[in-house]
Each structure stands twice: as structure tokens, then as C-alpha cells.
């Protein structure tokens, strides 16, 4: 009975040692008598007890690795405190087990040296502008070296770039000066635009006034022309009526009488208003004119 119990215990231990359950996204490296024998994938695996041994266990998930901050010297000899984080994934469990004694330390050290090399080729201002370039350069260098370690470097991200305090103060002063410069430029542009607007407004107002004056002159000229036309039309109508009246019986005699009267009045006016007496050169013409007027007055009107 005791022997059966011992055999049962041995069987249970044997089964327990023979069956290995590997979790999802994990890989176990199997050694047989101290030599690499294979890699156990996720699920149920059977091994030889006391002969096979699980030497290494790797996670196949993406792993974030914090790279310690370090001081880098830029191309213009400025110290820069750089802190970053690295993302990698084990792709070959066998190489990850035997390619490096400590691939985590190897990746960390290589990331720091590569970062110092990349930053050393740039000036301080460019390091703030070219973060993507720095990240890509670090990933390329790490991925090439880490392939022999069974590790795939996915990406590297710079968390912080911290220059010395003096540089920070200088940068702040530069930013302040740049903002003041932009403010002055904006103010001058505003004044310039204001002057342009004022000049444009004055020009448009002058044009409007000149157009108004022009239209007023045109209207005045049109009015004067209309008045002249109206006077001319009235004069022409009067002349037409006078001409028609002259053609009537006795019209010519009336005209002669009117002319004689006007002549006599003119001579009378000259005699009254001037100290000098103006005498016609041919008095017979004056007498004839007066005689004609008197004759016309004495004649009865013609019917």
C-alpha cells in the first residue's frame, strides 16, 4: 500500500514536470541537458522531466523601457539634459536568450550613446525643432544593432529636453524680444493701414466732390442753354408775329411811324443829357423824317 502511494506521488510529479502551460504572448526557451532544444509557444507543451529545463521566459508584448536622462553636448557646445522612453518587442526568444547576457541593459546603453551622437551633430535650436529626426535616428541605429539580440526596436520618444538655466533665461529673453518686435511691427502696420485708409477716403471724397461740382456745372449749363433756347424761341416767335403784322394793311406805315418817333426821341435825349449839341450833318434827312412822321399821324388809318 505504501509502495503504491509512493508510485502515485512519483507519477504525479512526473506528469507535473512533463506538462508545461505557456501563457498567451509568451515564449519559453527549453534546454535539454544544458543545450538549447526549442522554444515553447503559448498553450500546452510536453517536455521530458529532469532532462528538459525551462531556461528563459520572454514576453512577446511591446515593452516600454525608460532610458535614464543624460547630458548631451550640442554642436554649438551647449549642455542639454535629455530624457526619453524606448519601445521594443522580443521577436526571437532564442537570440534574446543567448545573443546578449542582458539585452535590456544593452539597448539602454546603446540608446544613450546613439542619442549623444545624434544631438552632438545639431545646434541647440535645431534639437527643439527636429525631435522627430532625432527619434528616427535613434530607432534606426538601435534596430540595426538589436536584431542580433532577437529584439525589434519599435520607436523612441524624447520626453524632455532641458537646457541649462542660463540658456533658458536667454531663450526667454529672445522670445520676449521677438514678441515685442512683432507687436511693434503689427502697430506700425496698423498705422500704415490707417494712413492708407485716410488717404483713400480723402481721395474718394475729393472725387465725389469734383463729380458733384461737375454735375452742378453741367446742370447749370443745361439750364442756361434751355433759357437761351427759350428766349430765342420767344424772340423768333415775336419777330414772326411782327413780320406778319407788317404785312397787314397799314403795317409798313406803322413801322415808319415808330422809327420816326424813336429817332425824334433819340435826338431829344441827346440834347437833354449832353452839354455838347450833336447836329446831324444833313438836316434835310431829319426834316424829311419828321415830316414823314407828321404825315402818317394826319392820315386816317387804312381799312
C-alpha atoms as a PDB file:
ATOM      1  CA  UNK A   1       0.000   0.000   0.000  1.00  0.00           C
ATOM      2  CA  UNK A   2       2.743   2.397   0.892  1.00  0.00           C
ATOM      3  CA  UNK A   3       4.580   1.441  -2.261  1.00  0.00           C
ATOM      4  CA  UNK A   4       1.508   2.272  -4.369  1.00  0.00           C
ATOM      5  CA  UNK A   5       1.248   5.648  -2.734  1.00  0.00           C
ATOM      6  CA  UNK A   6       4.885   6.334  -3.486  1.00  0.00           C
ATOM      7  CA  UNK A   7       4.375   5.336  -7.127  1.00  0.00           C
ATOM      8  CA  UNK A   8       1.335   7.609  -7.338  1.00  0.00           C
ATOM      9  CA  UNK A   9       3.292  10.537  -5.955  1.00  0.00           C
ATOM     10  CA  UNK A  10       6.106   9.859  -8.404  1.00  0.00           C
ATOM     11  CA  UNK A  11       3.611   9.685 -11.268  1.00  0.00           C
ATOM     12  CA  UNK A  12       2.022  12.979 -10.268  1.00  0.00           C
ATOM     13  CA  UNK A  13       5.415  14.636 -10.025  1.00  0.00           C
ATOM     14  CA  UNK A  14       6.390  13.143 -13.393  1.00  0.00           C
ATOM     15  CA  UNK A  15       3.228  14.435 -15.041  1.00  0.00           C
ATOM     16  CA  UNK A  16       3.661  17.836 -13.446  1.00  0.00           C
ATOM     17  CA  UNK A  17       7.200  18.029 -14.717  1.00  0.00           C
ATOM     18  CA  UNK A  18       6.181  16.804 -18.174  1.00  0.00           C
ATOM     19  CA  UNK A  19       3.376  19.271 -18.841  1.00  0.00           C
ATOM     20  CA  UNK A  20       4.084  22.977 -19.325  1.00  0.00           C
ATOM     21  CA  UNK A  21       1.341  25.515 -19.983  1.00  0.00           C
ATOM     22  CA  UNK A  22       2.717  28.673 -21.629  1.00  0.00           C
ATOM     23  CA  UNK A  23       0.573  31.869 -21.371  1.00  0.00           C
ATOM     24  CA  UNK A  24      -0.541  33.848 -24.415  1.00  0.00           C
ATOM     25  CA  UNK A  25       2.056  36.259 -25.875  1.00  0.00           C
ATOM     26  CA  UNK A  26       4.844  34.421 -24.073  1.00  0.00           C
ATOM     27  CA  UNK A  27       7.693  32.189 -25.191  1.00  0.00           C
ATOM     28  CA  UNK A  28       9.793  29.853 -23.054  1.00  0.00           C
ATOM     29  CA  UNK A  29      13.228  28.710 -24.064  1.00  0.00           C
ATOM     30  CA  UNK A  30      13.757  24.981 -23.482  1.00  0.00           C
ATOM     31  CA  UNK A  31      17.183  23.482 -22.758  1.00  0.00           C
ATOM     32  CA  UNK A  32      17.892  19.771 -22.795  1.00  0.00           C
ATOM     33  CA  UNK A  33      20.926  18.759 -20.764  1.00  0.00           C
ATOM     34  CA  UNK A  34      22.134  22.376 -20.815  1.00  0.00           C
ATOM     35  CA  UNK A  35      21.760  22.844 -24.561  1.00  0.00           C
ATOM     36  CA  UNK A  36      19.128  24.843 -26.435  1.00  0.00           C
ATOM     37  CA  UNK A  37      16.433  22.442 -27.554  1.00  0.00           C
ATOM     38  CA  UNK A  38      13.491  24.591 -28.640  1.00  0.00           C
ATOM     39  CA  UNK A  39      11.023  27.320 -27.825  1.00  0.00           C
ATOM     40  CA  UNK A  40       7.705  26.600 -26.191  1.00  0.00           C
ATOM     41  CA  UNK A  41       4.829  28.654 -27.565  1.00  0.00           C
ATOM     42  CA  UNK A  42       1.503  29.546 -25.955  1.00  0.00           C
ATOM     43  CA  UNK A  43      -0.591  26.599 -24.903  1.00  0.00           C
ATOM     44  CA  UNK A  44       0.056  23.072 -23.596  1.00  0.00           C
ATOM     45  CA  UNK A  45       3.556  21.676 -24.121  1.00  0.00           C
ATOM     46  CA  UNK A  46       5.074  18.314 -23.092  1.00  0.00           C
ATOM     47  CA  UNK A  47       8.705  18.042 -22.017  1.00  0.00           C
ATOM     48  CA  UNK A  48      10.919  15.314 -20.645  1.00  0.00           C
ATOM     49  CA  UNK A  49      11.111  15.596 -16.856  1.00  0.00           C
ATOM     50  CA  UNK A  50      14.510  16.025 -15.224  1.00  0.00           C
ATOM     51  CA  UNK A  51      16.072  16.226 -18.692  1.00  0.00           C
ATOM     52  CA  UNK A  52      14.456  19.312 -20.186  1.00  0.00           C
ATOM     53  CA  UNK A  53      14.653  22.610 -18.371  1.00  0.00           C
ATOM     54  CA  UNK A  54      12.940  25.972 -18.912  1.00  0.00           C
ATOM     55  CA  UNK A  55      15.967  28.281 -19.068  1.00  0.00           C
ATOM     56  CA  UNK A  56      14.359  31.617 -20.106  1.00  0.00           C
ATOM     57  CA  UNK A  57      10.893  33.094 -20.186  1.00  0.00           C
ATOM     58  CA  UNK A  58      10.174  36.002 -22.525  1.00  0.00           C
ATOM     59  CA  UNK A  59       7.135  38.206 -23.043  1.00  0.00           C
ATOM     60  CA  UNK A  60       6.324  38.893 -26.676  1.00  0.00           C
ATOM     61  CA  UNK A  61       4.368  42.040 -25.821  1.00  0.00           C
ATOM     62  CA  UNK A  62       5.556  45.545 -26.615  1.00  0.00           C
ATOM     63  CA  UNK A  63       7.648  46.733 -23.698  1.00  0.00           C
ATOM     64  CA  UNK A  64       8.276  50.397 -22.741  1.00  0.00           C
ATOM     65  CA  UNK A  65      11.772  51.000 -21.417  1.00  0.00           C
ATOM     66  CA  UNK A  66      12.618  54.229 -19.640  1.00  0.00           C
ATOM     67  CA  UNK A  67      16.013  55.479 -20.803  1.00  0.00           C
ATOM     68  CA  UNK A  68      17.695  57.415 -17.967  1.00  0.00           C
ATOM     69  CA  UNK A  69      18.264  61.113 -18.582  1.00  0.00           C
ATOM     70  CA  UNK A  70      21.732  62.187 -19.597  1.00  0.00           C
ATOM     71  CA  UNK A  71      23.684  65.299 -20.504  1.00  0.00           C
ATOM     72  CA  UNK A  72      24.361  65.742 -24.225  1.00  0.00           C
ATOM     73  CA  UNK A  73      26.630  68.347 -25.821  1.00  0.00           C
ATOM     74  CA  UNK A  74      25.214  70.065 -28.894  1.00  0.00           C
ATOM     75  CA  UNK A  75      27.209  71.198 -31.921  1.00  0.00           C
ATOM     76  CA  UNK A  76      27.436  74.733 -30.505  1.00  0.00           C
ATOM     77  CA  UNK A  77      28.863  73.377 -27.212  1.00  0.00           C
ATOM     78  CA  UNK A  78      25.703  73.702 -25.124  1.00  0.00           C
ATOM     79  CA  UNK A  79      24.781  71.168 -22.468  1.00  0.00           C
ATOM     80  CA  UNK A  80      21.352  69.635 -22.856  1.00  0.00           C
ATOM     81  CA  UNK A  81      19.601  67.294 -20.431  1.00  0.00           C
ATOM     82  CA  UNK A  82      17.737  64.672 -22.480  1.00  0.00           C
ATOM     83  CA  UNK A  83      15.222  62.149 -21.183  1.00  0.00           C
ATOM     84  CA  UNK A  84      13.457  59.558 -23.345  1.00  0.00           C
ATOM     85  CA  UNK A  85      11.487  56.343 -23.484  1.00  0.00           C
ATOM     86  CA  UNK A  86      12.082  53.349 -25.745  1.00  0.00           C
ATOM     87  CA  UNK A  87       9.548  50.810 -27.022  1.00  0.00           C
ATOM     88  CA  UNK A  88      10.744  47.358 -28.094  1.00  0.00           C
ATOM     89  CA  UNK A  89       9.472  43.830 -28.612  1.00  0.00           C
ATOM     90  CA  UNK A  90      11.136  40.417 -28.427  1.00  0.00           C
ATOM     91  CA  UNK A  91      10.825  38.755 -31.829  1.00  0.00           C
ATOM     92  CA  UNK A  92      13.327  35.876 -31.475  1.00  0.00           C
ATOM     93  CA  UNK A  93      13.330  34.288 -27.995  1.00  0.00           C
ATOM     94  CA  UNK A  94      16.396  32.168 -28.757  1.00  0.00           C
ATOM     95  CA  UNK A  95      18.557  35.175 -29.716  1.00  0.00           C
ATOM     96  CA  UNK A  96      17.126  37.202 -26.838  1.00  0.00           C
ATOM     97  CA  UNK A  97      18.342  34.415 -24.525  1.00  0.00           C
ATOM     98  CA  UNK A  98      21.783  33.791 -25.980  1.00  0.00           C
ATOM     99  CA  UNK A  99      22.585  36.874 -28.094  1.00  0.00           C
ATOM    100  CA  UNK A 100      23.257  39.104 -25.104  1.00  0.00           C
ATOM    101  CA  UNK A 101      23.712  38.490 -21.421  1.00  0.00           C
ATOM    102  CA  UNK A 102      21.358  41.418 -20.711  1.00  0.00           C
ATOM    103  CA  UNK A 103      19.631  42.865 -23.756  1.00  0.00           C
ATOM    104  CA  UNK A 104      17.740  45.431 -21.645  1.00  0.00           C
ATOM    105  CA  UNK A 105      20.972  46.974 -20.437  1.00  0.00           C
ATOM    106  CA  UNK A 106      22.468  46.728 -23.916  1.00  0.00           C
ATOM    107  CA  UNK A 107      19.516  48.534 -25.503  1.00  0.00           C
ATOM    108  CA  UNK A 108      19.545  51.231 -22.819  1.00  0.00           C
ATOM    109  CA  UNK A 109      23.258  51.922 -23.189  1.00  0.00           C
ATOM    110  CA  UNK A 110      23.076  51.918 -26.975  1.00  0.00           C
ATOM    111  CA  UNK A 111      20.120  54.314 -26.891  1.00  0.00           C
ATOM    112  CA  UNK A 112      22.076  56.750 -24.724  1.00  0.00           C
ATOM    113  CA  UNK A 113      25.227  56.649 -26.851  1.00  0.00           C
ATOM    114  CA  UNK A 114      23.256  56.988 -30.074  1.00  0.00           C
ATOM    115  CA  UNK A 115      21.318  59.909 -28.636  1.00  0.00           C
ATOM    116  CA  UNK A 116      24.522  61.693 -27.637  1.00  0.00           C
ATOM    117  CA  UNK A 117      25.897  61.171 -31.132  1.00  0.00           C
ATOM    118  CA  UNK A 118      22.800  62.492 -32.881  1.00  0.00           C
ATOM    119  CA  UNK A 119      22.429  65.529 -30.601  1.00  0.00           C
ATOM    120  CA  UNK A 120      26.140  66.322 -30.977  1.00  0.00           C
ATOM    121  CA  UNK A 121      25.592  66.885 -34.708  1.00  0.00           C
ATOM    122  CA  UNK A 122      22.907  69.529 -34.151  1.00  0.00           C
ATOM    123  CA  UNK A 123      22.823  73.046 -32.816  1.00  0.00           C
ATOM    124  CA  UNK A 124      20.695  73.824 -29.780  1.00  0.00           C
ATOM    125  CA  UNK A 125      17.845  75.449 -31.678  1.00  0.00           C
ATOM    126  CA  UNK A 126      17.565  72.516 -34.065  1.00  0.00           C
ATOM    127  CA  UNK A 127      17.254  69.979 -31.255  1.00  0.00           C
ATOM    128  CA  UNK A 128      13.922  71.541 -30.274  1.00  0.00           C
ATOM    129  CA  UNK A 129      12.715  71.604 -33.858  1.00  0.00           C
ATOM    130  CA  UNK A 130      13.976  68.197 -35.013  1.00  0.00           C
ATOM    131  CA  UNK A 131      12.660  65.844 -32.356  1.00  0.00           C
ATOM    132  CA  UNK A 132      11.213  63.527 -34.975  1.00  0.00           C
ATOM    133  CA  UNK A 133      14.560  63.388 -36.749  1.00  0.00           C
ATOM    134  CA  UNK A 134      16.356  62.533 -33.503  1.00  0.00           C
ATOM    135  CA  UNK A 135      13.818  59.843 -32.650  1.00  0.00           C
ATOM    136  CA  UNK A 136      14.093  58.274 -36.103  1.00  0.00           C
ATOM    137  CA  UNK A 137      17.908  58.264 -35.993  1.00  0.00           C
ATOM    138  CA  UNK A 138      17.940  56.536 -32.594  1.00  0.00           C
ATOM    139  CA  UNK A 139      15.409  53.905 -33.720  1.00  0.00           C
ATOM    140  CA  UNK A 140      17.375  53.161 -36.899  1.00  0.00           C
ATOM    141  CA  UNK A 141      20.669  52.699 -35.042  1.00  0.00           C
ATOM    142  CA  UNK A 142      19.116  50.588 -32.262  1.00  0.00           C
ATOM    143  CA  UNK A 143      17.094  48.386 -34.577  1.00  0.00           C
ATOM    144  CA  UNK A 144      20.157  47.528 -36.634  1.00  0.00           C
ATOM    145  CA  UNK A 145      22.174  46.516 -33.577  1.00  0.00           C
ATOM    146  CA  UNK A 146      19.325  44.840 -31.666  1.00  0.00           C
ATOM    147  CA  UNK A 147      18.455  42.452 -34.494  1.00  0.00           C
ATOM    148  CA  UNK A 148      21.264  40.147 -33.317  1.00  0.00           C
ATOM    149  CA  UNK A 149      19.688  40.171 -29.845  1.00  0.00           C
ATOM    150  CA  UNK A 150      16.299  38.996 -31.105  1.00  0.00           C
ATOM    151  CA  UNK A 151      14.744  42.358 -30.272  1.00  0.00           C
ATOM    152  CA  UNK A 152      12.807  44.726 -32.545  1.00  0.00           C
ATOM    153  CA  UNK A 153      13.042  48.409 -31.578  1.00  0.00           C
ATOM    154  CA  UNK A 154       9.698  49.969 -32.490  1.00  0.00           C
ATOM    155  CA  UNK A 155      10.117  53.640 -31.594  1.00  0.00           C
ATOM    156  CA  UNK A 156      11.889  56.104 -29.370  1.00  0.00           C
ATOM    157  CA  UNK A 157      10.342  59.248 -27.941  1.00  0.00           C
ATOM    158  CA  UNK A 158      12.121  62.164 -26.295  1.00  0.00           C
ATOM    159  CA  UNK A 159      10.223  63.070 -23.143  1.00  0.00           C
ATOM    160  CA  UNK A 160      12.096  66.190 -22.167  1.00  0.00           C
ATOM    161  CA  UNK A 161      14.847  68.488 -23.396  1.00  0.00           C
ATOM    162  CA  UNK A 162      16.185  70.720 -20.640  1.00  0.00           C
ATOM    163  CA  UNK A 163      18.943  73.249 -21.353  1.00  0.00           C
ATOM    164  CA  UNK A 164      20.865  74.987 -18.543  1.00  0.00           C
ATOM    165  CA  UNK A 165      19.171  77.741 -16.562  1.00  0.00           C
ATOM    166  CA  UNK A 166      21.256  80.471 -18.205  1.00  0.00           C
ATOM    167  CA  UNK A 167      20.243  79.247 -21.646  1.00  0.00           C
ATOM    168  CA  UNK A 168      16.609  79.151 -20.564  1.00  0.00           C
ATOM    169  CA  UNK A 169      16.802  82.776 -19.424  1.00  0.00           C
ATOM    170  CA  UNK A 170      18.439  83.767 -22.711  1.00  0.00           C
ATOM    171  CA  UNK A 171      15.797  81.919 -24.689  1.00  0.00           C
ATOM    172  CA  UNK A 172      13.053  83.578 -22.682  1.00  0.00           C
ATOM    173  CA  UNK A 173      14.588  86.987 -23.315  1.00  0.00           C
ATOM    174  CA  UNK A 174      14.845  86.181 -27.008  1.00  0.00           C
ATOM    175  CA  UNK A 175      11.213  85.111 -27.122  1.00  0.00           C
ATOM    176  CA  UNK A 176      10.176  88.298 -25.295  1.00  0.00           C
ATOM    177  CA  UNK A 177      12.164  90.444 -27.720  1.00  0.00           C
ATOM    178  CA  UNK A 178      10.670  88.608 -30.682  1.00  0.00           C
ATOM    179  CA  UNK A 179       7.155  89.152 -29.371  1.00  0.00           C
ATOM    180  CA  UNK A 180       7.856  92.838 -28.748  1.00  0.00           C
ATOM    181  CA  UNK A 181       9.220  93.095 -32.272  1.00  0.00           C
ATOM    182  CA  UNK A 182       6.069  91.501 -33.670  1.00  0.00           C
ATOM    183  CA  UNK A 183       3.935  93.862 -31.585  1.00  0.00           C
ATOM    184  CA  UNK A 184       5.815  96.899 -32.942  1.00  0.00           C
ATOM    185  CA  UNK A 185       5.542  95.613 -36.484  1.00  0.00           C
ATOM    186  CA  UNK A 186       1.819  94.988 -36.007  1.00  0.00           C
ATOM    187  CA  UNK A 187       1.363  98.502 -34.590  1.00  0.00           C
ATOM    188  CA  UNK A 188       3.294 100.084 -37.485  1.00  0.00           C
ATOM    189  CA  UNK A 189       1.288  98.045 -39.976  1.00  0.00           C
ATOM    190  CA  UNK A 190      -1.864  99.274 -38.266  1.00  0.00           C
ATOM    191  CA  UNK A 191      -0.743 102.900 -38.523  1.00  0.00           C
ATOM    192  CA  UNK A 192       0.259 102.371 -42.142  1.00  0.00           C
ATOM    193  CA  UNK A 193      -3.112 100.865 -42.956  1.00  0.00           C
ATOM    194  CA  UNK A 194      -4.802 103.725 -41.117  1.00  0.00           C
ATOM    195  CA  UNK A 195      -2.934 106.301 -43.218  1.00  0.00           C
ATOM    196  CA  UNK A 196      -3.781 104.375 -46.372  1.00  0.00           C
ATOM    197  CA  UNK A 197      -7.434 104.273 -45.382  1.00  0.00           C
ATOM    198  CA  UNK A 198      -7.471 108.006 -44.582  1.00  0.00           C
ATOM    199  CA  UNK A 199      -5.767 108.854 -47.894  1.00  0.00           C
ATOM    200  CA  UNK A 200      -8.149 106.583 -49.774  1.00  0.00           C
ATOM    201  CA  UNK A 201     -11.133 108.173 -48.043  1.00  0.00           C
ATOM    202  CA  UNK A 202      -9.917 111.694 -48.822  1.00  0.00           C
ATOM    203  CA  UNK A 203      -9.276 110.767 -52.442  1.00  0.00           C
ATOM    204  CA  UNK A 204     -12.726 109.249 -52.804  1.00  0.00           C
ATOM    205  CA  UNK A 205     -14.299 112.274 -51.081  1.00  0.00           C
ATOM    206  CA  UNK A 206     -12.428 114.655 -53.431  1.00  0.00           C
ATOM    207  CA  UNK A 207     -13.546 112.617 -56.421  1.00  0.00           C
ATOM    208  CA  UNK A 208     -17.121 112.663 -55.140  1.00  0.00           C
ATOM    209  CA  UNK A 209     -16.977 116.448 -54.594  1.00  0.00           C
ATOM    210  CA  UNK A 210     -15.466 117.011 -58.052  1.00  0.00           C
ATOM    211  CA  UNK A 211     -18.096 114.774 -59.603  1.00  0.00           C
ATOM    212  CA  UNK A 212     -20.769 116.771 -57.777  1.00  0.00           C
ATOM    213  CA  UNK A 213     -19.293 120.080 -58.939  1.00  0.00           C
ATOM    214  CA  UNK A 214     -19.025 118.726 -62.460  1.00  0.00           C
ATOM    215  CA  UNK A 215     -22.645 117.639 -62.436  1.00  0.00           C
ATOM    216  CA  UNK A 216     -23.682 121.008 -60.999  1.00  0.00           C
ATOM    217  CA  UNK A 217     -21.841 122.836 -63.824  1.00  0.00           C
ATOM    218  CA  UNK A 218     -23.440 120.523 -66.351  1.00  0.00           C
ATOM    219  CA  UNK A 219     -26.858 121.169 -64.878  1.00  0.00           C
ATOM    220  CA  UNK A 220     -26.201 124.935 -64.833  1.00  0.00           C
ATOM    221  CA  UNK A 221     -25.030 124.889 -68.442  1.00  0.00           C
ATOM    222  CA  UNK A 222     -28.044 122.821 -69.434  1.00  0.00           C
ATOM    223  CA  UNK A 223     -30.296 125.340 -67.631  1.00  0.00           C
ATOM    224  CA  UNK A 224     -28.652 128.325 -69.308  1.00  0.00           C
ATOM    225  CA  UNK A 225     -28.872 126.601 -72.678  1.00  0.00           C
ATOM    226  CA  UNK A 226     -32.523 125.866 -72.085  1.00  0.00           C
ATOM    227  CA  UNK A 227     -33.098 129.521 -71.056  1.00  0.00           C
ATOM    228  CA  UNK A 228     -31.262 130.818 -74.142  1.00  0.00           C
ATOM    229  CA  UNK A 229     -33.258 128.441 -76.311  1.00  0.00           C
ATOM    230  CA  UNK A 230     -36.482 129.627 -74.683  1.00  0.00           C
ATOM    231  CA  UNK A 231     -35.527 133.326 -75.184  1.00  0.00           C
ATOM    232  CA  UNK A 232     -34.502 132.656 -78.756  1.00  0.00           C
ATOM    233  CA  UNK A 233     -37.725 130.805 -79.387  1.00  0.00           C
ATOM    234  CA  UNK A 234     -39.742 133.648 -77.848  1.00  0.00           C
ATOM    235  CA  UNK A 235     -37.775 136.255 -79.848  1.00  0.00           C
ATOM    236  CA  UNK A 236     -38.247 134.275 -83.031  1.00  0.00           C
ATOM    237  CA  UNK A 237     -41.942 133.999 -82.313  1.00  0.00           C
ATOM    238  CA  UNK A 238     -42.146 137.745 -81.636  1.00  0.00           C
ATOM    239  CA  UNK A 239     -40.256 138.548 -84.832  1.00  0.00           C
ATOM    240  CA  UNK A 240     -42.540 136.218 -86.735  1.00  0.00           C
ATOM    241  CA  UNK A 241     -45.586 137.988 -85.325  1.00  0.00           C
ATOM    242  CA  UNK A 242     -44.069 141.438 -86.106  1.00  0.00           C
ATOM    243  CA  UNK A 243     -43.287 140.370 -89.641  1.00  0.00           C
ATOM    244  CA  UNK A 244     -46.798 139.067 -90.053  1.00  0.00           C
ATOM    245  CA  UNK A 245     -48.200 142.364 -88.672  1.00  0.00           C
ATOM    246  CA  UNK A 246     -46.058 144.424 -91.065  1.00  0.00           C
ATOM    247  CA  UNK A 247     -47.541 142.520 -93.961  1.00  0.00           C
ATOM    248  CA  UNK A 248     -51.021 143.574 -92.874  1.00  0.00           C
ATOM    249  CA  UNK A 249     -52.595 146.740 -94.411  1.00  0.00           C
ATOM    250  CA  UNK A 250     -51.044 149.819 -92.814  1.00  0.00           C
ATOM    251  CA  UNK A 251     -48.272 147.761 -91.185  1.00  0.00           C
ATOM    252  CA  UNK A 252     -45.459 149.383 -93.091  1.00  0.00           C
ATOM    253  CA  UNK A 253     -46.749 152.863 -92.243  1.00  0.00           C
ATOM    254  CA  UNK A 254     -46.888 151.924 -88.573  1.00  0.00           C
ATOM    255  CA  UNK A 255     -43.278 150.792 -88.710  1.00  0.00           C
ATOM    256  CA  UNK A 256     -42.186 154.021 -90.362  1.00  0.00           C
ATOM    257  CA  UNK A 257     -44.048 156.000 -87.714  1.00  0.00           C
ATOM    258  CA  UNK A 258     -42.431 154.028 -84.933  1.00  0.00           C
ATOM    259  CA  UNK A 259     -38.992 154.536 -86.412  1.00  0.00           C
ATOM    260  CA  UNK A 260     -39.605 158.281 -86.788  1.00  0.00           C
ATOM    261  CA  UNK A 261     -40.738 158.509 -83.180  1.00  0.00           C
ATOM    262  CA  UNK A 262     -37.679 156.679 -81.933  1.00  0.00           C
ATOM    263  CA  UNK A 263     -35.422 158.924 -83.973  1.00  0.00           C
ATOM    264  CA  UNK A 264     -37.010 162.071 -82.580  1.00  0.00           C
ATOM    265  CA  UNK A 265     -36.763 160.690 -79.039  1.00  0.00           C
ATOM    266  CA  UNK A 266     -33.101 159.852 -79.562  1.00  0.00           C
ATOM    267  CA  UNK A 267     -32.269 163.340 -80.734  1.00  0.00           C
ATOM    268  CA  UNK A 268     -34.217 164.787 -77.816  1.00  0.00           C
ATOM    269  CA  UNK A 269     -32.322 162.637 -75.343  1.00  0.00           C
ATOM    270  CA  UNK A 270     -29.003 163.686 -76.804  1.00  0.00           C
ATOM    271  CA  UNK A 271     -29.965 167.322 -76.461  1.00  0.00           C
ATOM    272  CA  UNK A 272     -31.014 166.933 -72.833  1.00  0.00           C
ATOM    273  CA  UNK A 273     -28.235 164.745 -71.397  1.00  0.00           C
ATOM    274  CA  UNK A 274     -25.148 166.105 -73.085  1.00  0.00           C
ATOM    275  CA  UNK A 275     -23.583 169.543 -72.810  1.00  0.00           C
ATOM    276  CA  UNK A 276     -22.431 169.188 -76.392  1.00  0.00           C
ATOM    277  CA  UNK A 277     -25.118 169.583 -79.024  1.00  0.00           C
ATOM    278  CA  UNK A 278     -24.932 166.948 -81.697  1.00  0.00           C
ATOM    279  CA  UNK A 279     -26.300 168.186 -85.001  1.00  0.00           C
ATOM    280  CA  UNK A 280     -26.847 165.850 -87.935  1.00  0.00           C
ATOM    281  CA  UNK A 281     -24.746 166.544 -90.953  1.00  0.00           C
ATOM    282  CA  UNK A 282     -27.750 166.546 -93.301  1.00  0.00           C
ATOM    283  CA  UNK A 283     -30.641 168.379 -91.665  1.00  0.00           C
ATOM    284  CA  UNK A 284     -32.860 167.681 -94.652  1.00  0.00           C
ATOM    285  CA  UNK A 285     -32.905 163.980 -93.675  1.00  0.00           C
ATOM    286  CA  UNK A 286     -34.128 164.870 -90.195  1.00  0.00           C
ATOM    287  CA  UNK A 287     -36.772 167.206 -91.575  1.00  0.00           C
ATOM    288  CA  UNK A 288     -37.907 164.582 -94.024  1.00  0.00           C
ATOM    289  CA  UNK A 289     -38.091 162.013 -91.240  1.00  0.00           C
ATOM    290  CA  UNK A 290     -40.168 164.365 -89.037  1.00  0.00           C
ATOM    291  CA  UNK A 291     -42.353 165.320 -91.970  1.00  0.00           C
ATOM    292  CA  UNK A 292     -43.000 161.703 -92.763  1.00  0.00           C
ATOM    293  CA  UNK A 293     -43.979 161.054 -89.154  1.00  0.00           C
ATOM    294  CA  UNK A 294     -46.357 164.023 -89.130  1.00  0.00           C
ATOM    295  CA  UNK A 295     -47.926 162.933 -92.399  1.00  0.00           C
ATOM    296  CA  UNK A 296     -48.522 159.476 -91.068  1.00  0.00           C
ATOM    297  CA  UNK A 297     -50.137 160.885 -87.959  1.00  0.00           C
ATOM    298  CA  UNK A 298     -52.516 163.033 -90.014  1.00  0.00           C
ATOM    299  CA  UNK A 299     -53.557 160.232 -92.360  1.00  0.00           C
ATOM    300  CA  UNK A 300     -56.608 158.236 -91.332  1.00  0.00           C
ATOM    301  CA  UNK A 301     -55.986 154.579 -90.749  1.00  0.00           C
ATOM    302  CA  UNK A 302     -56.406 152.306 -93.727  1.00  0.00           C
ATOM    303  CA  UNK A 303     -59.101 149.715 -93.534  1.00  0.00           C
END
